[in-house]
Amino acid sequence: MELNFQKTAVVFKAFCDENRIRILELLTDGEKCACRLLEALNITQPTLSHHMKILIDSGIVSGRKEGKWMYYSISAEGLKKAQEYIDYLKGKGV
């Protein structure tokens, strides 16, 4: 595996914020509407949008639009990629 530093940084950036970790925790039991995330996190819509953009850009979360709402879920493929990066680093003796 050849490590792409830019893509790897984007993935790990997703894990570097308390609110994003909370969002991931909320998504562990399935897809959630943005409205439910807003209620649970007590943050503003623009703040949620900022965090969701980072999570989606990383590939860790996927989103789909239904009507006026966005629905988010954890991406198994994105998590697999993050795990591959970790495994790669572990294999390097870090």
PDB file of N, CA and C in Angstrom:
ATOM      1  N   MET A   1       0.845  -1.189   0.000  1.00  0.00           N
ATOM      2  CA  MET A   1       0.000   0.000   0.000  1.00  0.00           C
ATOM      3  C   MET A   1       0.881   1.240   0.000  1.00  0.00           C
ATOM      4  N   GLU A   2       0.643   2.106  -0.949  1.00  0.00           N
ATOM      5  CA  GLU A   2       1.339   3.393  -1.013  1.00  0.00           C
ATOM      6  C   GLU A   2       0.490   4.418  -0.273  1.00  0.00           C
ATOM      7  N   LEU A   3       1.069   5.074   0.710  1.00  0.00           N
ATOM      8  CA  LEU A   3       0.341   6.041   1.522  1.00  0.00           C
ATOM      9  C   LEU A   3       0.220   7.368   0.779  1.00  0.00           C
ATOM     10  N   ASN A   4      -1.008   7.819   0.580  1.00  0.00           N
ATOM     11  CA  ASN A   4      -1.271   9.137   0.004  1.00  0.00           C
ATOM     12  C   ASN A   4      -1.423  10.094   1.177  1.00  0.00           C
ATOM     13  N   PHE A   5      -0.440  10.930   1.391  1.00  0.00           N
ATOM     14  CA  PHE A   5      -0.410  11.780   2.581  1.00  0.00           C
ATOM     15  C   PHE A   5      -1.584  12.739   2.645  1.00  0.00           C
ATOM     16  N   GLN A   6      -1.962  13.316   1.508  1.00  0.00           N
ATOM     17  CA  GLN A   6      -3.068  14.275   1.503  1.00  0.00           C
ATOM     18  C   GLN A   6      -4.390  13.593   1.869  1.00  0.00           C
ATOM     19  N   LYS A   7      -4.678  12.453   1.255  1.00  0.00           N
ATOM     20  CA  LYS A   7      -5.924  11.733   1.551  1.00  0.00           C
ATOM     21  C   LYS A   7      -5.933  11.216   2.989  1.00  0.00           C
ATOM     22  N   THR A   8      -4.794  10.759   3.450  1.00  0.00           N
ATOM     23  CA  THR A   8      -4.700  10.266   4.818  1.00  0.00           C
ATOM     24  C   THR A   8      -4.965  11.389   5.812  1.00  0.00           C
ATOM     25  N   ALA A   9      -4.423  12.560   5.556  1.00  0.00           N
ATOM     26  CA  ALA A   9      -4.643  13.708   6.439  1.00  0.00           C
ATOM     27  C   ALA A   9      -6.122  14.083   6.493  1.00  0.00           C
ATOM     28  N   VAL A  10      -6.808  14.023   5.359  1.00  0.00           N
ATOM     29  CA  VAL A  10      -8.241  14.349   5.312  1.00  0.00           C
ATOM     30  C   VAL A  10      -9.035  13.363   6.165  1.00  0.00           C
ATOM     31  N   VAL A  11      -8.684  12.090   6.090  1.00  0.00           N
ATOM     32  CA  VAL A  11      -9.381  11.074   6.889  1.00  0.00           C
ATOM     33  C   VAL A  11      -9.171  11.331   8.378  1.00  0.00           C
ATOM     34  N   PHE A  12      -7.935  11.550   8.774  1.00  0.00           N
ATOM     35  CA  PHE A  12      -7.679  11.724  10.199  1.00  0.00           C
ATOM     36  C   PHE A  12      -8.154  13.070  10.728  1.00  0.00           C
ATOM     37  N   LYS A  13      -8.287  14.065   9.872  1.00  0.00           N
ATOM     38  CA  LYS A  13      -8.866  15.341  10.287  1.00  0.00           C
ATOM     39  C   LYS A  13     -10.296  15.129  10.775  1.00  0.00           C
ATOM     40  N   ALA A  14     -10.992  14.192  10.164  1.00  0.00           N
ATOM     41  CA  ALA A  14     -12.380  13.908  10.542  1.00  0.00           C
ATOM     42  C   ALA A  14     -12.487  13.479  12.001  1.00  0.00           C
ATOM     43  N   PHE A  15     -11.444  12.854  12.526  1.00  0.00           N
ATOM     44  CA  PHE A  15     -11.470  12.356  13.898  1.00  0.00           C
ATOM     45  C   PHE A  15     -10.913  13.356  14.909  1.00  0.00           C
ATOM     46  N   CYS A  16     -10.529  14.539  14.458  1.00  0.00           N
ATOM     47  CA  CYS A  16      -9.809  15.483  15.322  1.00  0.00           C
ATOM     48  C   CYS A  16     -10.681  16.597  15.888  1.00  0.00           C
ATOM     49  N   ASP A  17     -11.943  16.304  16.128  1.00  0.00           N
ATOM     50  CA  ASP A  17     -12.820  17.312  16.710  1.00  0.00           C
ATOM     51  C   ASP A  17     -13.862  16.605  17.575  1.00  0.00           C
ATOM     52  N   GLU A  18     -14.093  17.150  18.747  1.00  0.00           N
ATOM     53  CA  GLU A  18     -15.034  16.549  19.692  1.00  0.00           C
ATOM     54  C   GLU A  18     -16.443  16.427  19.108  1.00  0.00           C
ATOM     55  N   ASN A  19     -16.907  17.456  18.413  1.00  0.00           N
ATOM     56  CA  ASN A  19     -18.253  17.391  17.824  1.00  0.00           C
ATOM     57  C   ASN A  19     -18.341  16.307  16.744  1.00  0.00           C
ATOM     58  N   ARG A  20     -17.292  16.159  15.947  1.00  0.00           N
ATOM     59  CA  ARG A  20     -17.323  15.122  14.913  1.00  0.00           C
ATOM     60  C   ARG A  20     -17.315  13.727  15.527  1.00  0.00           C
ATOM     61  N   ILE A  21     -16.608  13.553  16.628  1.00  0.00           N
ATOM     62  CA  ILE A  21     -16.628  12.269  17.326  1.00  0.00           C
ATOM     63  C   ILE A  21     -18.032  12.014  17.880  1.00  0.00           C
ATOM     64  N   ARG A  22     -18.662  13.046  18.401  1.00  0.00           N
ATOM     65  CA  ARG A  22     -20.044  12.896  18.893  1.00  0.00           C
ATOM     66  C   ARG A  22     -20.989  12.521  17.751  1.00  0.00           C
ATOM     67  N   ILE A  23     -20.807  13.152  16.611  1.00  0.00           N
ATOM     68  CA  ILE A  23     -21.639  12.828  15.444  1.00  0.00           C
ATOM     69  C   ILE A  23     -21.458  11.365  15.068  1.00  0.00           C
ATOM     70  N   LEU A  24     -20.231  10.905  15.016  1.00  0.00           N
ATOM     71  CA  LEU A  24     -19.974   9.508  14.680  1.00  0.00           C
ATOM     72  C   LEU A  24     -20.623   8.569  15.694  1.00  0.00           C
ATOM     73  N   GLU A  25     -20.553   8.932  16.960  1.00  0.00           N
ATOM     74  CA  GLU A  25     -21.194   8.119  17.997  1.00  0.00           C
ATOM     75  C   GLU A  25     -22.708   8.050  17.764  1.00  0.00           C
ATOM     76  N   LEU A  26     -23.318   9.166  17.409  1.00  0.00           N
ATOM     77  CA  LEU A  26     -24.761   9.185  17.140  1.00  0.00           C
ATOM     78  C   LEU A  26     -25.122   8.329  15.926  1.00  0.00           C
ATOM     79  N   LEU A  27     -24.213   8.242  14.984  1.00  0.00           N
ATOM     80  CA  LEU A  27     -24.483   7.484  13.761  1.00  0.00           C
ATOM     81  C   LEU A  27     -24.189   5.995  13.897  1.00  0.00           C
ATOM     82  N   THR A  28     -23.625   5.572  15.011  1.00  0.00           N
ATOM     83  CA  THR A  28     -23.267   4.160  15.153  1.00  0.00           C
ATOM     84  C   THR A  28     -24.476   3.235  15.134  1.00  0.00           C
ATOM     85  N   ASP A  29     -25.643   3.751  15.499  1.00  0.00           N
ATOM     86  CA  ASP A  29     -26.822   2.876  15.483  1.00  0.00           C
ATOM     87  C   ASP A  29     -27.707   3.124  14.265  1.00  0.00           C
ATOM     88  N   GLY A  30     -27.132   3.728  13.228  1.00  0.00           N
ATOM     89  CA  GLY A  30     -27.868   3.871  11.971  1.00  0.00           C
ATOM     90  C   GLY A  30     -27.987   5.300  11.486  1.00  0.00           C
ATOM     91  N   GLU A  31     -28.581   5.404  10.313  1.00  0.00           N
ATOM     92  CA  GLU A  31     -28.758   6.681   9.628  1.00  0.00           C
ATOM     93  C   GLU A  31     -29.568   7.657  10.483  1.00  0.00           C
ATOM     94  N   LYS A  32     -29.149   8.935  10.421  1.00  0.00           N
ATOM     95  CA  LYS A  32     -29.841   9.982  11.159  1.00  0.00           C
ATOM     96  C   LYS A  32     -30.070  11.189  10.256  1.00  0.00           C
ATOM     97  N   CYS A  33     -31.220  11.802  10.455  1.00  0.00           N
ATOM     98  CA  CYS A  33     -31.543  13.059   9.791  1.00  0.00           C
ATOM     99  C   CYS A  33     -30.724  14.178  10.444  1.00  0.00           C
ATOM    100  N   ALA A  34     -30.357  15.173   9.663  1.00  0.00           N
ATOM    101  CA  ALA A  34     -29.619  16.316  10.199  1.00  0.00           C
ATOM    102  C   ALA A  34     -30.381  16.957  11.350  1.00  0.00           C
ATOM    103  N   CYS A  35     -31.707  16.964  11.267  1.00  0.00           N
ATOM    104  CA  CYS A  35     -32.513  17.570  12.328  1.00  0.00           C
ATOM    105  C   CYS A  35     -32.298  16.849  13.661  1.00  0.00           C
ATOM    106  N   ARG A  36     -32.151  15.531  13.631  1.00  0.00           N
ATOM    107  CA  ARG A  36     -31.906  14.750  14.859  1.00  0.00           C
ATOM    108  C   ARG A  36     -30.501  15.023  15.405  1.00  0.00           C
ATOM    109  N   LEU A  37     -29.548  15.162  14.510  1.00  0.00           N
ATOM    110  CA  LEU A  37     -28.190  15.484  14.953  1.00  0.00           C
ATOM    111  C   LEU A  37     -28.151  16.863  15.605  1.00  0.00           C
ATOM    112  N   LEU A  38     -28.866  17.810  15.005  1.00  0.00           N
ATOM    113  CA  LEU A  38     -28.922  19.163  15.578  1.00  0.00           C
ATOM    114  C   LEU A  38     -29.500  19.139  16.986  1.00  0.00           C
ATOM    115  N   GLU A  39     -30.564  18.400  17.170  1.00  0.00           N
ATOM    116  CA  GLU A  39     -31.191  18.305  18.496  1.00  0.00           C
ATOM    117  C   GLU A  39     -30.247  17.692  19.518  1.00  0.00           C
ATOM    118  N   ALA A  40     -29.578  16.636  19.132  1.00  0.00           N
ATOM    119  CA  ALA A  40     -28.713  15.910  20.058  1.00  0.00           C
ATOM    120  C   ALA A  40     -27.448  16.686  20.422  1.00  0.00           C
ATOM    121  N   LEU A  41     -26.958  17.482  19.491  1.00  0.00           N
ATOM    122  CA  LEU A  41     -25.673  18.155  19.697  1.00  0.00           C
ATOM    123  C   LEU A  41     -25.801  19.569  20.234  1.00  0.00           C
ATOM    124  N   ASN A  42     -26.968  20.165  20.085  1.00  0.00           N
ATOM    125  CA  ASN A  42     -27.180  21.548  20.526  1.00  0.00           C
ATOM    126  C   ASN A  42     -26.165  22.500  19.874  1.00  0.00           C
ATOM    127  N   ILE A  43     -26.046  22.380  18.549  1.00  0.00           N
ATOM    128  CA  ILE A  43     -25.196  23.270  17.759  1.00  0.00           C
ATOM    129  C   ILE A  43     -26.056  23.893  16.661  1.00  0.00           C
ATOM    130  N   THR A  44     -25.516  24.888  15.998  1.00  0.00           N
ATOM    131  CA  THR A  44     -26.268  25.554  14.934  1.00  0.00           C
ATOM    132  C   THR A  44     -26.179  24.752  13.643  1.00  0.00           C
ATOM    133  N   GLN A  45     -27.092  25.024  12.734  1.00  0.00           N
ATOM    134  CA  GLN A  45     -27.106  24.338  11.438  1.00  0.00           C
ATOM    135  C   GLN A  45     -25.827  24.598  10.647  1.00  0.00           C
ATOM    136  N   PRO A  46     -25.328  25.853  10.603  1.00  0.00           N
ATOM    137  CA  PRO A  46     -24.066  26.064   9.879  1.00  0.00           C
ATOM    138  C   PRO A  46     -22.889  25.289  10.485  1.00  0.00           C
ATOM    139  N   THR A  47     -22.868  25.159  11.804  1.00  0.00           N
ATOM    140  CA  THR A  47     -21.804  24.395  12.455  1.00  0.00           C
ATOM    141  C   THR A  47     -21.916  22.923  12.090  1.00  0.00           C
ATOM    142  N   LEU A  48     -23.139  22.392  12.104  1.00  0.00           N
ATOM    143  CA  LEU A  48     -23.332  21.001  11.703  1.00  0.00           C
ATOM    144  C   LEU A  48     -22.892  20.799  10.254  1.00  0.00           C
ATOM    145  N   SER A  49     -23.281  21.706   9.375  1.00  0.00           N
ATOM    146  CA  SER A  49     -22.896  21.596   7.964  1.00  0.00           C
ATOM    147  C   SER A  49     -21.383  21.566   7.801  1.00  0.00           C
ATOM    148  N   HIS A  50     -20.694  22.394   8.541  1.00  0.00           N
ATOM    149  CA  HIS A  50     -19.221  22.423   8.495  1.00  0.00           C
ATOM    150  C   HIS A  50     -18.650  21.060   8.877  1.00  0.00           C
ATOM    151  N   HIS A  51     -19.122  20.502   9.999  1.00  0.00           N
ATOM    152  CA  HIS A  51     -18.622  19.211  10.457  1.00  0.00           C
ATOM    153  C   HIS A  51     -18.978  18.087   9.486  1.00  0.00           C
ATOM    154  N   MET A  52     -20.189  18.134   8.940  1.00  0.00           N
ATOM    155  CA  MET A  52     -20.608  17.081   8.021  1.00  0.00           C
ATOM    156  C   MET A  52     -19.803  17.135   6.730  1.00  0.00           C
ATOM    157  N   LYS A  53     -19.450  18.330   6.271  1.00  0.00           N
ATOM    158  CA  LYS A  53     -18.619  18.444   5.068  1.00  0.00           C
ATOM    159  C   LYS A  53     -17.276  17.755   5.294  1.00  0.00           C
ATOM    160  N   ILE A  54     -16.680  17.978   6.433  1.00  0.00           N
ATOM    161  CA  ILE A  54     -15.392  17.354   6.743  1.00  0.00           C
ATOM    162  C   ILE A  54     -15.541  15.837   6.819  1.00  0.00           C
ATOM    163  N   LEU A  55     -16.595  15.366   7.469  1.00  0.00           N
ATOM    164  CA  LEU A  55     -16.816  13.923   7.594  1.00  0.00           C
ATOM    165  C   LEU A  55     -17.093  13.273   6.237  1.00  0.00           C
ATOM    166  N   ILE A  56     -17.870  13.946   5.399  1.00  0.00           N
ATOM    167  CA  ILE A  56     -18.170  13.403   4.063  1.00  0.00           C
ATOM    168  C   ILE A  56     -16.932  13.449   3.176  1.00  0.00           C
ATOM    169  N   ASP A  57     -16.198  14.559   3.205  1.00  0.00           N
ATOM    170  CA  ASP A  57     -14.969  14.654   2.406  1.00  0.00           C
ATOM    171  C   ASP A  57     -13.965  13.564   2.775  1.00  0.00           C
ATOM    172  N   SER A  58     -13.983  13.156   4.033  1.00  0.00           N
ATOM    173  CA  SER A  58     -13.058  12.114   4.485  1.00  0.00           C
ATOM    174  C   SER A  58     -13.491  10.731   4.015  1.00  0.00           C
ATOM    175  N   GLY A  59     -14.762  10.596   3.663  1.00  0.00           N
ATOM    176  CA  GLY A  59     -15.298   9.298   3.272  1.00  0.00           C
ATOM    177  C   GLY A  59     -15.828   8.489   4.439  1.00  0.00           C
ATOM    178  N   ILE A  60     -15.675   8.987   5.652  1.00  0.00           N
ATOM    179  CA  ILE A  60     -16.119   8.274   6.843  1.00  0.00           C
ATOM    180  C   ILE A  60     -17.649   8.272   6.943  1.00  0.00           C
ATOM    181  N   VAL A  61     -18.274   9.331   6.453  1.00  0.00           N
ATOM    182  CA  VAL A  61     -19.733   9.463   6.501  1.00  0.00           C
ATOM    183  C   VAL A  61     -20.248   9.680   5.088  1.00  0.00           C
ATOM    184  N   SER A  62     -21.415   9.141   4.825  1.00  0.00           N
ATOM    185  CA  SER A  62     -22.083   9.407   3.551  1.00  0.00           C
ATOM    186  C   SER A  62     -23.400  10.114   3.844  1.00  0.00           C
ATOM    187  N   GLY A  63     -23.870  10.875   2.869  1.00  0.00           N
ATOM    188  CA  GLY A  63     -25.115  11.617   3.046  1.00  0.00           C
ATOM    189  C   GLY A  63     -26.013  11.473   1.843  1.00  0.00           C
ATOM    190  N   ARG A  64     -27.294  11.590   2.104  1.00  0.00           N
ATOM    191  CA  ARG A  64     -28.266  11.576   1.019  1.00  0.00           C
ATOM    192  C   ARG A  64     -29.361  12.579   1.349  1.00  0.00           C
ATOM    193  N   LYS A  65     -29.868  13.221   0.322  1.00  0.00           N
ATOM    194  CA  LYS A  65     -30.906  14.231   0.501  1.00  0.00           C
ATOM    195  C   LYS A  65     -32.264  13.597   0.257  1.00  0.00           C
ATOM    196  N   GLU A  66     -33.196  13.903   1.162  1.00  0.00           N
ATOM    197  CA  GLU A  66     -34.579  13.465   1.008  1.00  0.00           C
ATOM    198  C   GLU A  66     -35.458  14.649   1.375  1.00  0.00           C
ATOM    199  N   GLY A  67     -36.142  15.181   0.369  1.00  0.00           N
ATOM    200  CA  GLY A  67     -36.922  16.394   0.623  1.00  0.00           C
ATOM    201  C   GLY A  67     -35.993  17.534   0.980  1.00  0.00           C
ATOM    202  N   LYS A  68     -36.306  18.192   2.086  1.00  0.00           N
ATOM    203  CA  LYS A  68     -35.457  19.317   2.500  1.00  0.00           C
ATOM    204  C   LYS A  68     -34.362  18.916   3.488  1.00  0.00           C
ATOM    205  N   TRP A  69     -34.332  17.642   3.879  1.00  0.00           N
ATOM    206  CA  TRP A  69     -33.375  17.201   4.883  1.00  0.00           C
ATOM    207  C   TRP A  69     -32.290  16.311   4.301  1.00  0.00           C
ATOM    208  N   MET A  70     -31.156  16.363   4.959  1.00  0.00           N
ATOM    209  CA  MET A  70     -30.048  15.459   4.660  1.00  0.00           C
ATOM    210  C   MET A  70     -30.057  14.346   5.698  1.00  0.00           C
ATOM    211  N   TYR A  71     -29.753  13.147   5.236  1.00  0.00           N
ATOM    212  CA  TYR A  71     -29.637  11.987   6.112  1.00  0.00           C
ATOM    213  C   TYR A  71     -28.207  11.478   6.016  1.00  0.00           C
ATOM    214  N   TYR A  72     -27.628  11.177   7.174  1.00  0.00           N
ATOM    215  CA  TYR A  72     -26.228  10.789   7.235  1.00  0.00           C
ATOM    216  C   TYR A  72     -26.068   9.411   7.851  1.00  0.00           C
ATOM    217  N   SER A  73     -25.051   8.702   7.392  1.00  0.00           N
ATOM    218  CA  SER A  73     -24.722   7.394   7.954  1.00  0.00           C
ATOM    219  C   SER A  73     -23.219   7.174   7.843  1.00  0.00           C
ATOM    220  N   ILE A  74     -22.722   6.271   8.676  1.00  0.00           N
ATOM    221  CA  ILE A  74     -21.311   5.916   8.627  1.00  0.00           C
ATOM    222  C   ILE A  74     -21.074   5.057   7.394  1.00  0.00           C
ATOM    223  N   SER A  75     -20.003   5.334   6.700  1.00  0.00           N
ATOM    224  CA  SER A  75     -19.631   4.582   5.503  1.00  0.00           C
ATOM    225  C   SER A  75     -18.694   3.438   5.882  1.00  0.00           C
ATOM    226  N   ALA A  76     -19.135   2.218   5.661  1.00  0.00           N
ATOM    227  CA  ALA A  76     -18.286   1.061   5.956  1.00  0.00           C
ATOM    228  C   ALA A  76     -16.997   1.126   5.147  1.00  0.00           C
ATOM    229  N   GLU A  77     -17.098   1.546   3.902  1.00  0.00           N
ATOM    230  CA  GLU A  77     -15.913   1.654   3.043  1.00  0.00           C
ATOM    231  C   GLU A  77     -14.947   2.708   3.586  1.00  0.00           C
ATOM    232  N   GLY A  78     -15.476   3.833   4.068  1.00  0.00           N
ATOM    233  CA  GLY A  78     -14.632   4.876   4.646  1.00  0.00           C
ATOM    234  C   GLY A  78     -13.917   4.413   5.901  1.00  0.00           C
ATOM    235  N   LEU A  79     -14.631   3.681   6.752  1.00  0.00           N
ATOM    236  CA  LEU A  79     -14.004   3.142   7.954  1.00  0.00           C
ATOM    237  C   LEU A  79     -12.931   2.122   7.609  1.00  0.00           C
ATOM    238  N   LYS A  80     -13.199   1.330   6.588  1.00  0.00           N
ATOM    239  CA  LYS A  80     -12.211   0.338   6.149  1.00  0.00           C
ATOM    240  C   LYS A  80     -10.932   1.042   5.701  1.00  0.00           C
ATOM    241  N   LYS A  81     -11.077   2.130   4.960  1.00  0.00           N
ATOM    242  CA  LYS A  81      -9.916   2.874   4.481  1.00  0.00           C
ATOM    243  C   LYS A  81      -9.129   3.451   5.658  1.00  0.00           C
ATOM    244  N   ALA A  82      -9.828   4.009   6.653  1.00  0.00           N
ATOM    245  CA  ALA A  82      -9.152   4.537   7.840  1.00  0.00           C
ATOM    246  C   ALA A  82      -8.387   3.424   8.556  1.00  0.00           C
ATOM    247  N   GLN A  83      -8.997   2.249   8.657  1.00  0.00           N
ATOM    248  CA  GLN A  83      -8.345   1.111   9.305  1.00  0.00           C
ATOM    249  C   GLN A  83      -7.108   0.673   8.516  1.00  0.00           C
ATOM    250  N   GLU A  84      -7.206   0.710   7.199  1.00  0.00           N
ATOM    251  CA  GLU A  84      -6.046   0.360   6.366  1.00  0.00           C
ATOM    252  C   GLU A  84      -4.881   1.309   6.630  1.00  0.00           C
ATOM    253  N   TYR A  85      -5.170   2.607   6.798  1.00  0.00           N
ATOM    254  CA  TYR A  85      -4.106   3.566   7.109  1.00  0.00           C
ATOM    255  C   TYR A  85      -3.456   3.224   8.443  1.00  0.00           C
ATOM    256  N   ILE A  86      -4.272   2.903   9.438  1.00  0.00           N
ATOM    257  CA  ILE A  86      -3.743   2.555  10.754  1.00  0.00           C
ATOM    258  C   ILE A  86      -2.907   1.289  10.671  1.00  0.00           C
ATOM    259  N   ASP A  87      -3.437   0.290   9.979  1.00  0.00           N
ATOM    260  CA  ASP A  87      -2.695  -0.967   9.827  1.00  0.00           C
ATOM    261  C   ASP A  87      -1.367  -0.743   9.110  1.00  0.00           C
ATOM    262  N   TYR A  88      -1.381   0.115   8.106  1.00  0.00           N
ATOM    263  CA  TYR A  88      -0.161   0.429   7.370  1.00  0.00           C
ATOM    264  C   TYR A  88       0.880   1.031   8.320  1.00  0.00           C
ATOM    265  N   LEU A  89       0.465   1.976   9.147  1.00  0.00           N
ATOM    266  CA  LEU A  89       1.385   2.608  10.072  1.00  0.00           C
ATOM    267  C   LEU A  89       1.880   1.618  11.129  1.00  0.00           C
ATOM    268  N   LYS A  90       0.994   0.757  11.606  1.00  0.00           N
ATOM    269  CA  LYS A  90       1.405  -0.273  12.566  1.00  0.00           C
ATOM    270  C   LYS A  90       2.437  -1.197  11.957  1.00  0.00           C
ATOM    271  N   GLY A  91       2.259  -1.513  10.691  1.00  0.00           N
ATOM    272  CA  GLY A  91       3.191  -2.402   9.997  1.00  0.00           C
ATOM    273  C   GLY A  91       4.559  -1.786   9.787  1.00  0.00           C
ATOM    274  N   LYS A  92       4.627  -0.480   9.883  1.00  0.00           N
ATOM    275  CA  LYS A  92       5.897   0.236   9.719  1.00  0.00           C
ATOM    276  C   LYS A  92       6.670   0.298  11.027  1.00  0.00           C
ATOM    277  N   GLY A  93       6.115  -0.281  12.092  1.00  0.00           N
ATOM    278  CA  GLY A  93       6.820  -0.303  13.370  1.00  0.00           C
ATOM    279  C   GLY A  93       6.645   0.965  14.174  1.00  0.00           C
ATOM    280  N   VAL A  94       5.619   1.713  13.860  1.00  0.00           N
ATOM    281  CA  VAL A  94       5.356   2.963  14.612  1.00  0.00           C
ATOM    282  C   VAL A  94       4.735   2.627  15.940  1.00  0.00           C
TER     283      VAL A  94
END
